[in-house]
C-alpha cells in the first residue's frame, strides 16, 4: 500500500505523538508499505522549524 502522509502525520510520527492512532503508526511502520511525503509538507515543516514551532529534537 502507498501512504501519502499529511504534514501533521509526519510530525506526529517523528515525535512519537499519541495523536497518531496506533493503526496508523502500524501502517507507517510496516515495511511492505511505501510511505511518501509531499514536497509541501517539507516546506510546511521548514516554516514551523524557522518559527520555533517544533520540538528541537524532531528536525
PDB file of N, CA and C in Angstrom:
ATOM      1  N   UNK A   1       0.844  -1.162   0.000  1.00  0.00           N
ATOM      2  CA  UNK A   1       0.000   0.000   0.000  1.00  0.00           C
ATOM      3  C   UNK A   1       0.899   1.239   0.000  1.00  0.00           C
ATOM      4  N   UNK A   2       0.466   2.275  -0.697  1.00  0.00           N
ATOM      5  CA  UNK A   2       1.195   3.541  -0.703  1.00  0.00           C
ATOM      6  C   UNK A   2       0.487   4.535   0.219  1.00  0.00           C
ATOM      7  N   UNK A   3       1.239   5.113   1.145  1.00  0.00           N
ATOM      8  CA  UNK A   3       0.674   6.054   2.108  1.00  0.00           C
ATOM      9  C   UNK A   3       1.259   7.434   1.872  1.00  0.00           C
ATOM     10  N   UNK A   4       0.406   8.407   1.600  1.00  0.00           N
ATOM     11  CA  UNK A   4       0.829   9.798   1.485  1.00  0.00           C
ATOM     12  C   UNK A   4       0.488  10.461   2.808  1.00  0.00           C
ATOM     13  N   UNK A   5       1.515  10.827   3.565  1.00  0.00           N
ATOM     14  CA  UNK A   5       1.293  11.379   4.892  1.00  0.00           C
ATOM     15  C   UNK A   5       1.048  12.879   4.856  1.00  0.00           C
ATOM     16  N   UNK A   6       0.058  13.311   5.602  1.00  0.00           N
ATOM     17  CA  UNK A   6      -0.171  14.735   5.821  1.00  0.00           C
ATOM     18  C   UNK A   6       0.954  15.262   6.700  1.00  0.00           C
ATOM     19  N   UNK A   7       1.163  16.555   6.670  1.00  0.00           N
ATOM     20  CA  UNK A   7       2.237  17.166   7.448  1.00  0.00           C
ATOM     21  C   UNK A   7       2.126  16.811   8.927  1.00  0.00           C
ATOM     22  N   UNK A   8       0.929  16.899   9.473  1.00  0.00           N
ATOM     23  CA  UNK A   8       0.764  16.587  10.902  1.00  0.00           C
ATOM     24  C   UNK A   8       1.125  15.135  11.185  1.00  0.00           C
ATOM     25  N   UNK A   9       0.800  14.217  10.291  1.00  0.00           N
ATOM     26  CA  UNK A   9       1.138  12.806  10.489  1.00  0.00           C
ATOM     27  C   UNK A   9       2.650  12.595  10.467  1.00  0.00           C
ATOM     28  N   UNK A  10       3.344  13.315   9.609  1.00  0.00           N
ATOM     29  CA  UNK A  10       4.812  13.223   9.556  1.00  0.00           C
ATOM     30  C   UNK A  10       5.394  13.692  10.886  1.00  0.00           C
ATOM     31  N   UNK A  11       4.948  14.846  11.345  1.00  0.00           N
ATOM     32  CA  UNK A  11       5.461  15.413  12.595  1.00  0.00           C
ATOM     33  C   UNK A  11       5.126  14.494  13.764  1.00  0.00           C
ATOM     34  N   UNK A  12       3.884  14.059  13.854  1.00  0.00           N
ATOM     35  CA  UNK A  12       3.476  13.189  14.963  1.00  0.00           C
ATOM     36  C   UNK A  12       4.251  11.881  14.950  1.00  0.00           C
ATOM     37  N   UNK A  13       4.514  11.363  13.768  1.00  0.00           N
ATOM     38  CA  UNK A  13       5.284  10.124  13.671  1.00  0.00           C
ATOM     39  C   UNK A  13       6.707  10.326  14.188  1.00  0.00           C
ATOM     40  N   UNK A  14       7.318  11.429  13.803  1.00  0.00           N
ATOM     41  CA  UNK A  14       8.680  11.725  14.256  1.00  0.00           C
ATOM     42  C   UNK A  14       8.736  12.003  15.752  1.00  0.00           C
ATOM     43  N   UNK A  15       7.679  12.607  16.279  1.00  0.00           N
ATOM     44  CA  UNK A  15       7.617  12.931  17.705  1.00  0.00           C
ATOM     45  C   UNK A  15       7.178  11.748  18.557  1.00  0.00           C
ATOM     46  N   UNK A  16       6.690  10.689  17.908  1.00  0.00           N
ATOM     47  CA  UNK A  16       6.072   9.568  18.618  1.00  0.00           C
ATOM     48  C   UNK A  16       4.887  10.083  19.445  1.00  0.00           C
ATOM     49  N   UNK A  17       4.118  10.983  18.837  1.00  0.00           N
ATOM     50  CA  UNK A  17       2.997  11.663  19.484  1.00  0.00           C
ATOM     51  C   UNK A  17       1.786  10.734  19.539  1.00  0.00           C
ATOM     52  N   UNK A  18       1.079  10.753  20.669  1.00  0.00           N
ATOM     53  CA  UNK A  18      -0.095   9.896  20.847  1.00  0.00           C
ATOM     54  C   UNK A  18      -1.278  10.326  19.982  1.00  0.00           C
ATOM     55  N   UNK A  19      -1.197  11.489  19.340  1.00  0.00           N
ATOM     56  CA  UNK A  19      -2.267  11.911  18.424  1.00  0.00           C
ATOM     57  C   UNK A  19      -2.350  10.993  17.206  1.00  0.00           C
ATOM     58  N   UNK A  20      -1.249  10.332  16.904  1.00  0.00           N
ATOM     59  CA  UNK A  20      -1.225   9.402  15.775  1.00  0.00           C
ATOM     60  C   UNK A  20      -1.820   8.075  16.246  1.00  0.00           C
ATOM     61  N   UNK A  21      -2.919   7.685  15.659  1.00  0.00           N
ATOM     62  CA  UNK A  21      -3.612   6.462  16.072  1.00  0.00           C
ATOM     63  C   UNK A  21      -2.703   5.244  15.919  1.00  0.00           C
ATOM     64  N   UNK A  22      -2.830   4.276  16.818  1.00  0.00           N
ATOM     65  CA  UNK A  22      -1.980   3.077  16.758  1.00  0.00           C
ATOM     66  C   UNK A  22      -2.034   2.365  15.406  1.00  0.00           C
ATOM     67  N   UNK A  23      -3.213   2.295  14.793  1.00  0.00           N
ATOM     68  CA  UNK A  23      -3.329   1.622  13.494  1.00  0.00           C
ATOM     69  C   UNK A  23      -2.548   2.375  12.414  1.00  0.00           C
ATOM     70  N   UNK A  24      -2.580   3.687  12.472  1.00  0.00           N
ATOM     71  CA  UNK A  24      -1.836   4.498  11.507  1.00  0.00           C
ATOM     72  C   UNK A  24      -0.334   4.299  11.729  1.00  0.00           C
ATOM     73  N   UNK A  25       0.092   4.326  12.978  1.00  0.00           N
ATOM     74  CA  UNK A  25       1.504   4.109  13.300  1.00  0.00           C
ATOM     75  C   UNK A  25       1.965   2.733  12.789  1.00  0.00           C
ATOM     76  N   UNK A  26       1.094   1.750  12.954  1.00  0.00           N
ATOM     77  CA  UNK A  26       1.403   0.390  12.480  1.00  0.00           C
ATOM     78  C   UNK A  26       1.577   0.374  10.964  1.00  0.00           C
ATOM     79  N   UNK A  27       0.695   1.062  10.238  1.00  0.00           N
ATOM     80  CA  UNK A  27       0.784   1.112   8.778  1.00  0.00           C
ATOM     81  C   UNK A  27       2.051   1.837   8.321  1.00  0.00           C
ATOM     82  N   UNK A  28       2.409   2.913   9.017  1.00  0.00           N
ATOM     83  CA  UNK A  28       3.627   3.652   8.671  1.00  0.00           C
ATOM     84  C   UNK A  28       4.856   2.786   8.900  1.00  0.00           C
ATOM     85  N   UNK A  29       4.840   2.001   9.969  1.00  0.00           N
ATOM     86  CA  UNK A  29       5.991   1.164  10.331  1.00  0.00           C
ATOM     87  C   UNK A  29       6.103  -0.106   9.497  1.00  0.00           C
ATOM     88  N   UNK A  30       5.029  -0.483   8.833  1.00  0.00           N
ATOM     89  CA  UNK A  30       5.015  -1.713   8.043  1.00  0.00           C
ATOM     90  C   UNK A  30       5.905  -1.547   6.813  1.00  0.00           C
ATOM     91  N   UNK A  31       6.978  -2.310   6.757  1.00  0.00           N
ATOM     92  CA  UNK A  31       7.955  -2.171   5.658  1.00  0.00           C
ATOM     93  C   UNK A  31       7.388  -2.585   4.302  1.00  0.00           C
ATOM     94  N   UNK A  32       6.247  -3.255   4.279  1.00  0.00           N
ATOM     95  CA  UNK A  32       5.643  -3.608   2.994  1.00  0.00           C
ATOM     96  C   UNK A  32       4.882  -2.421   2.387  1.00  0.00           C
ATOM     97  N   UNK A  33       4.683  -1.370   3.177  1.00  0.00           N
ATOM     98  CA  UNK A  33       4.019  -0.157   2.684  1.00  0.00           C
ATOM     99  C   UNK A  33       5.058   0.855   2.223  1.00  0.00           C
ATOM    100  N   UNK A  34       4.698   1.616   1.223  1.00  0.00           N
ATOM    101  CA  UNK A  34       5.542   2.709   0.741  1.00  0.00           C
ATOM    102  C   UNK A  34       4.994   4.004   1.334  1.00  0.00           C
ATOM    103  N   UNK A  35       5.818   4.679   2.132  1.00  0.00           N
ATOM    104  CA  UNK A  35       5.400   5.923   2.776  1.00  0.00           C
ATOM    105  C   UNK A  35       6.020   7.095   2.022  1.00  0.00           C
ATOM    106  N   UNK A  36       5.174   8.021   1.590  1.00  0.00           N
ATOM    107  CA  UNK A  36       5.651   9.187   0.857  1.00  0.00           C
ATOM    108  C   UNK A  36       5.191  10.463   1.556  1.00  0.00           C
ATOM    109  N   UNK A  37       5.983  11.514   1.364  1.00  0.00           N
ATOM    110  CA  UNK A  37       5.704  12.814   1.956  1.00  0.00           C
ATOM    111  C   UNK A  37       5.740  13.847   0.839  1.00  0.00           C
ATOM    112  N   UNK A  38       4.756  14.702   0.814  1.00  0.00           N
ATOM    113  CA  UNK A  38       4.670  15.747  -0.195  1.00  0.00           C
ATOM    114  C   UNK A  38       5.768  16.792   0.008  1.00  0.00           C
ATOM    115  N   UNK A  39       6.199  17.383  -1.083  1.00  0.00           N
ATOM    116  CA  UNK A  39       7.154  18.494  -1.002  1.00  0.00           C
ATOM    117  C   UNK A  39       6.550  19.648  -0.204  1.00  0.00           C
ATOM    118  N   UNK A  40       5.242  19.797  -0.258  1.00  0.00           N
ATOM    119  CA  UNK A  40       4.571  20.844   0.514  1.00  0.00           C
ATOM    120  C   UNK A  40       4.748  20.586   2.010  1.00  0.00           C
ATOM    121  N   UNK A  41       4.721  19.332   2.422  1.00  0.00           N
ATOM    122  CA  UNK A  41       4.940  19.001   3.832  1.00  0.00           C
ATOM    123  C   UNK A  41       6.340  19.393   4.271  1.00  0.00           C
ATOM    124  N   UNK A  42       7.318  19.159   3.418  1.00  0.00           N
ATOM    125  CA  UNK A  42       8.693  19.544   3.729  1.00  0.00           C
ATOM    126  C   UNK A  42       8.758  21.061   3.905  1.00  0.00           C
ATOM    127  N   UNK A  43       8.089  21.791   3.031  1.00  0.00           N
ATOM    128  CA  UNK A  43       8.030  23.254   3.106  1.00  0.00           C
ATOM    129  C   UNK A  43       7.353  23.712   4.400  1.00  0.00           C
ATOM    130  N   UNK A  44       6.213  23.085   4.741  1.00  0.00           N
ATOM    131  CA  UNK A  44       5.495  23.440   5.973  1.00  0.00           C
ATOM    132  C   UNK A  44       6.343  23.163   7.218  1.00  0.00           C
ATOM    133  N   UNK A  45       7.031  22.041   7.231  1.00  0.00           N
ATOM    134  CA  UNK A  45       7.890  21.700   8.368  1.00  0.00           C
ATOM    135  C   UNK A  45       9.020  22.713   8.502  1.00  0.00           C
ATOM    136  N   UNK A  46       9.575  23.133   7.388  1.00  0.00           N
ATOM    137  CA  UNK A  46      10.652  24.132   7.434  1.00  0.00           C
ATOM    138  C   UNK A  46      10.138  25.464   7.994  1.00  0.00           C
ATOM    139  N   UNK A  47       8.931  25.862   7.621  1.00  0.00           N
ATOM    140  CA  UNK A  47       8.337  27.085   8.165  1.00  0.00           C
ATOM    141  C   UNK A  47       8.156  26.938   9.678  1.00  0.00           C
ATOM    142  N   UNK A  48       7.632  25.803  10.115  1.00  0.00           N
ATOM    143  CA  UNK A  48       7.447  25.567  11.551  1.00  0.00           C
ATOM    144  C   UNK A  48       8.788  25.562  12.276  1.00  0.00           C
ATOM    145  N   UNK A  49       9.806  24.993  11.653  1.00  0.00           N
ATOM    146  CA  UNK A  49      11.131  24.948  12.267  1.00  0.00           C
ATOM    147  C   UNK A  49      11.687  26.360  12.427  1.00  0.00           C
ATOM    148  N   UNK A  50      11.551  27.173  11.389  1.00  0.00           N
ATOM    149  CA  UNK A  50      12.047  28.551  11.443  1.00  0.00           C
ATOM    150  C   UNK A  50      11.308  29.390  12.466  1.00  0.00           C
ATOM    151  N   UNK A  51      10.034  29.073  12.705  1.00  0.00           N
ATOM    152  CA  UNK A  51       9.228  29.801  13.688  1.00  0.00           C
ATOM    153  C   UNK A  51       9.334  29.202  15.084  1.00  0.00           C
ATOM    154  N   UNK A  52      10.243  28.246  15.254  1.00  0.00           N
ATOM    155  CA  UNK A  52      10.423  27.546  16.537  1.00  0.00           C
ATOM    156  C   UNK A  52       9.135  26.888  17.025  1.00  0.00           C
ATOM    157  N   UNK A  53       8.351  26.360  16.103  1.00  0.00           N
ATOM    158  CA  UNK A  53       7.097  25.693  16.451  1.00  0.00           C
ATOM    159  C   UNK A  53       7.238  24.183  16.630  1.00  0.00           C
ATOM    160  N   UNK A  54       8.448  23.676  16.426  1.00  0.00           N
ATOM    161  CA  UNK A  54       8.675  22.234  16.538  1.00  0.00           C
ATOM    162  C   UNK A  54       9.617  21.948  17.691  1.00  0.00           C
ATOM    163  N   UNK A  55       9.484  20.760  18.242  1.00  0.00           N
ATOM    164  CA  UNK A  55      10.417  20.325  19.252  1.00  0.00           C
ATOM    165  C   UNK A  55      11.804  20.245  18.607  1.00  0.00           C
ATOM    166  N   UNK A  56      12.831  20.734  19.261  1.00  0.00           N
ATOM    167  CA  UNK A  56      14.173  20.780  18.653  1.00  0.00           C
ATOM    168  C   UNK A  56      14.707  19.421  18.181  1.00  0.00           C
ATOM    169  N   UNK A  57      14.372  18.342  18.873  1.00  0.00           N
ATOM    170  CA  UNK A  57      14.933  17.046  18.508  1.00  0.00           C
ATOM    171  C   UNK A  57      14.268  16.418  17.285  1.00  0.00           C
ATOM    172  N   UNK A  58      13.193  17.009  16.789  1.00  0.00           N
ATOM    173  CA  UNK A  58      12.459  16.420  15.677  1.00  0.00           C
ATOM    174  C   UNK A  58      13.160  16.637  14.344  1.00  0.00           C
ATOM    175  N   UNK A  59      13.466  17.844  14.015  1.00  0.00           N
ATOM    176  CA  UNK A  59      14.039  18.166  12.698  1.00  0.00           C
ATOM    177  C   UNK A  59      15.389  18.830  12.893  1.00  0.00           C
TER     178      UNK A  59
END
